[in-house]
Amino acid sequence: MLFRIDPASSVPLFDQLAASVRAEVSRGALRAGDRLPAARELAASLDINVHTVLHAYQELRDEGLLDLRRGRGAVVTANAEASGELIAAIRTLVIDAQSRGVGLATLTALLREEYPS
């Protein structure tokens, strides 16, 4: 598993890291029960602050993709696999919308109609 970040990007590093984990889940490279590297280890390998990694892990925990336990580390949940399938379906939807010339604003409006708050 390879996590990627771009320090020159305007996207916060923790968002990039969380997105990278989501991508690995959607590709099937991470499955339920898999452990992610310890925050300190990952921070050292990416040359970023450990709190940045913890922030990404906490965001993924709040989404239900990770289970964080002291001594056990970050473990991918069963919800992550379902989310990975959803992410893949969304990618397909976006590609289809783009091929049909449907813009982001229109696609967003259509989604909002189907997903009432």
C-alpha atoms as a PDB file:
ATOM      1  CA  MET A   1       0.000   0.000   0.000  1.00  0.00           C
ATOM      2  CA  LEU A   2       1.344   3.346  -1.038  1.00  0.00           C
ATOM      3  CA  PHE A   3       0.055   6.601   0.378  1.00  0.00           C
ATOM      4  CA  ARG A   4       0.745   9.728  -1.636  1.00  0.00           C
ATOM      5  CA  ILE A   5       0.805  13.373  -0.654  1.00  0.00           C
ATOM      6  CA  ASP A   6       1.892  16.498  -2.497  1.00  0.00           C
ATOM      7  CA  PRO A   7       3.365  19.121  -0.150  1.00  0.00           C
ATOM      8  CA  ALA A   8       2.994  21.756  -2.901  1.00  0.00           C
ATOM      9  CA  SER A   9      -0.760  21.183  -3.220  1.00  0.00           C
ATOM     10  CA  SER A  10      -3.271  23.643  -1.765  1.00  0.00           C
ATOM     11  CA  VAL A  11      -5.188  20.654  -0.337  1.00  0.00           C
ATOM     12  CA  PRO A  12      -4.310  20.132   3.343  1.00  0.00           C
ATOM     13  CA  LEU A  13      -1.960  17.208   3.935  1.00  0.00           C
ATOM     14  CA  PHE A  14      -4.403  15.392   6.225  1.00  0.00           C
ATOM     15  CA  ASP A  15      -7.078  15.585   3.483  1.00  0.00           C
ATOM     16  CA  GLN A  16      -4.617  14.212   0.941  1.00  0.00           C
ATOM     17  CA  LEU A  17      -3.686  11.345   3.237  1.00  0.00           C
ATOM     18  CA  ALA A  18      -7.329  10.524   4.012  1.00  0.00           C
ATOM     19  CA  ALA A  19      -8.130  10.597   0.285  1.00  0.00           C
ATOM     20  CA  SER A  20      -5.195   8.275  -0.377  1.00  0.00           C
ATOM     21  CA  VAL A  21      -6.521   5.775   2.175  1.00  0.00           C
ATOM     22  CA  ARG A  22     -10.012   6.013   0.636  1.00  0.00           C
ATOM     23  CA  ALA A  23      -8.475   5.343  -2.793  1.00  0.00           C
ATOM     24  CA  GLU A  24      -6.693   2.240  -1.486  1.00  0.00           C
ATOM     25  CA  VAL A  25     -10.005   1.014  -0.053  1.00  0.00           C
ATOM     26  CA  SER A  26     -11.843   1.643  -3.321  1.00  0.00           C
ATOM     27  CA  ARG A  27      -9.119  -0.225  -5.274  1.00  0.00           C
ATOM     28  CA  GLY A  28      -9.476  -3.166  -2.908  1.00  0.00           C
ATOM     29  CA  ALA A  29      -5.881  -2.828  -1.711  1.00  0.00           C
ATOM     30  CA  LEU A  30      -7.200  -2.294   1.829  1.00  0.00           C
ATOM     31  CA  ARG A  31      -9.867  -4.603   3.222  1.00  0.00           C
ATOM     32  CA  ALA A  32     -11.738  -5.020   6.477  1.00  0.00           C
ATOM     33  CA  GLY A  33      -9.348  -6.000   9.252  1.00  0.00           C
ATOM     34  CA  ASP A  34      -6.229  -4.610   7.571  1.00  0.00           C
ATOM     35  CA  ARG A  35      -4.027  -2.479   9.771  1.00  0.00           C
ATOM     36  CA  LEU A  36      -2.652   0.843   8.653  1.00  0.00           C
ATOM     37  CA  PRO A  37       0.869   1.857   9.605  1.00  0.00           C
ATOM     38  CA  ALA A  38       1.325   3.390  13.035  1.00  0.00           C
ATOM     39  CA  ALA A  39       0.909   7.166  12.943  1.00  0.00           C
ATOM     40  CA  ARG A  40       4.532   7.810  13.912  1.00  0.00           C
ATOM     41  CA  GLU A  41       5.832   5.353  11.327  1.00  0.00           C
ATOM     42  CA  LEU A  42       3.678   6.799   8.536  1.00  0.00           C
ATOM     43  CA  ALA A  43       4.545  10.371   9.507  1.00  0.00           C
ATOM     44  CA  ALA A  44       8.246   9.536   9.365  1.00  0.00           C
ATOM     45  CA  SER A  45       7.947   7.809   5.984  1.00  0.00           C
ATOM     46  CA  LEU A  46       6.007  10.736   4.477  1.00  0.00           C
ATOM     47  CA  ASP A  47       8.104  13.356   6.269  1.00  0.00           C
ATOM     48  CA  ILE A  48       5.043  15.003   7.833  1.00  0.00           C
ATOM     49  CA  ASN A  49       3.930  15.749  11.382  1.00  0.00           C
ATOM     50  CA  VAL A  50       2.443  12.857  13.366  1.00  0.00           C
ATOM     51  CA  HIS A  51      -0.547  15.055  14.243  1.00  0.00           C
ATOM     52  CA  THR A  52      -1.301  15.378  10.525  1.00  0.00           C
ATOM     53  CA  VAL A  53      -1.522  11.582  10.258  1.00  0.00           C
ATOM     54  CA  LEU A  54      -3.646  11.393  13.403  1.00  0.00           C
ATOM     55  CA  HIS A  55      -5.976  14.062  11.988  1.00  0.00           C
ATOM     56  CA  ALA A  56      -6.437  12.003   8.800  1.00  0.00           C
ATOM     57  CA  TYR A  57      -6.987   8.816  10.805  1.00  0.00           C
ATOM     58  CA  GLN A  58      -9.545  10.569  13.028  1.00  0.00           C
ATOM     59  CA  GLU A  59     -11.402  11.890   9.982  1.00  0.00           C
ATOM     60  CA  LEU A  60     -11.544   8.364   8.548  1.00  0.00           C
ATOM     61  CA  ARG A  61     -12.705   7.063  11.934  1.00  0.00           C
ATOM     62  CA  ASP A  62     -15.493   9.659  11.981  1.00  0.00           C
ATOM     63  CA  GLU A  63     -16.551   8.430   8.521  1.00  0.00           C
ATOM     64  CA  GLY A  64     -16.686   4.874   9.838  1.00  0.00           C
ATOM     65  CA  LEU A  65     -13.805   3.665   7.673  1.00  0.00           C
ATOM     66  CA  LEU A  66     -11.296   3.072  10.478  1.00  0.00           C
ATOM     67  CA  ASP A  67     -11.403   1.768  13.982  1.00  0.00           C
ATOM     68  CA  LEU A  68      -8.798   3.423  16.214  1.00  0.00           C
ATOM     69  CA  ARG A  69      -7.738   1.614  19.352  1.00  0.00           C
ATOM     70  CA  ARG A  70      -4.841   2.292  21.629  1.00  0.00           C
ATOM     71  CA  GLY A  71      -2.301  -0.473  21.219  1.00  0.00           C
ATOM     72  CA  ARG A  72      -4.038  -1.875  18.120  1.00  0.00           C
ATOM     73  CA  GLY A  73      -3.622   1.114  15.878  1.00  0.00           C
ATOM     74  CA  ALA A  74      -5.817   1.955  12.910  1.00  0.00           C
ATOM     75  CA  VAL A  75      -7.804  -0.961  11.509  1.00  0.00           C
ATOM     76  CA  VAL A  76     -10.008  -0.863   8.405  1.00  0.00           C
ATOM     77  CA  THR A  77     -13.664  -1.525   9.250  1.00  0.00           C
ATOM     78  CA  ALA A  78     -16.222  -3.582   7.350  1.00  0.00           C
ATOM     79  CA  ASN A  79     -17.938  -0.279   6.493  1.00  0.00           C
ATOM     80  CA  ALA A  80     -14.860   0.676   4.504  1.00  0.00           C
ATOM     81  CA  GLU A  81     -15.451  -2.029   1.920  1.00  0.00           C
ATOM     82  CA  ALA A  82     -19.036  -0.849   1.404  1.00  0.00           C
ATOM     83  CA  SER A  83     -17.747   2.716   1.130  1.00  0.00           C
ATOM     84  CA  GLY A  84     -15.146   1.557  -1.382  1.00  0.00           C
ATOM     85  CA  GLU A  85     -17.897   0.143  -3.572  1.00  0.00           C
ATOM     86  CA  LEU A  86     -19.797   3.421  -3.265  1.00  0.00           C
ATOM     87  CA  ILE A  87     -16.703   5.417  -4.209  1.00  0.00           C
ATOM     88  CA  ALA A  88     -16.249   3.226  -7.291  1.00  0.00           C
ATOM     89  CA  ALA A  89     -19.902   3.786  -8.248  1.00  0.00           C
ATOM     90  CA  ILE A  90     -19.478   7.543  -7.810  1.00  0.00           C
ATOM     91  CA  ARG A  91     -16.404   7.503 -10.038  1.00  0.00           C
ATOM     92  CA  THR A  92     -18.408   5.688 -12.699  1.00  0.00           C
ATOM     93  CA  LEU A  93     -21.213   8.234 -12.352  1.00  0.00           C
ATOM     94  CA  VAL A  94     -18.798  11.155 -12.709  1.00  0.00           C
ATOM     95  CA  ILE A  95     -17.160   9.633 -15.791  1.00  0.00           C
ATOM     96  CA  ASP A  96     -20.586   9.006 -17.327  1.00  0.00           C
ATOM     97  CA  ALA A  97     -21.735  12.555 -16.545  1.00  0.00           C
ATOM     98  CA  GLN A  98     -18.566  14.024 -18.050  1.00  0.00           C
ATOM     99  CA  SER A  99     -18.951  11.947 -21.218  1.00  0.00           C
ATOM    100  CA  ARG A 100     -22.512  13.267 -21.572  1.00  0.00           C
ATOM    101  CA  GLY A 101     -21.418  16.868 -21.037  1.00  0.00           C
ATOM    102  CA  VAL A 102     -23.137  17.208 -17.659  1.00  0.00           C
ATOM    103  CA  GLY A 103     -21.300  19.779 -15.561  1.00  0.00           C
ATOM    104  CA  LEU A 104     -20.486  19.565 -11.870  1.00  0.00           C
ATOM    105  CA  ALA A 105     -23.187  22.056 -10.858  1.00  0.00           C
ATOM    106  CA  THR A 106     -25.859  20.093 -12.724  1.00  0.00           C
ATOM    107  CA  LEU A 107     -24.656  16.766 -11.367  1.00  0.00           C
ATOM    108  CA  THR A 108     -24.623  18.178  -7.841  1.00  0.00           C
ATOM    109  CA  ALA A 109     -28.169  19.512  -8.271  1.00  0.00           C
ATOM    110  CA  LEU A 110     -29.348  16.110  -9.513  1.00  0.00           C
ATOM    111  CA  LEU A 111     -27.741  14.383  -6.545  1.00  0.00           C
ATOM    112  CA  ARG A 112     -29.353  16.837  -4.124  1.00  0.00           C
ATOM    113  CA  GLU A 113     -32.770  16.064  -5.622  1.00  0.00           C
ATOM    114  CA  GLU A 114     -32.224  12.344  -5.043  1.00  0.00           C
ATOM    115  CA  TYR A 115     -30.667  12.757  -1.589  1.00  0.00           C
ATOM    116  CA  PRO A 116     -32.954  14.989   0.468  1.00  0.00           C
ATOM    117  CA  SER A 117     -31.541  16.241   3.745  1.00  0.00           C
END
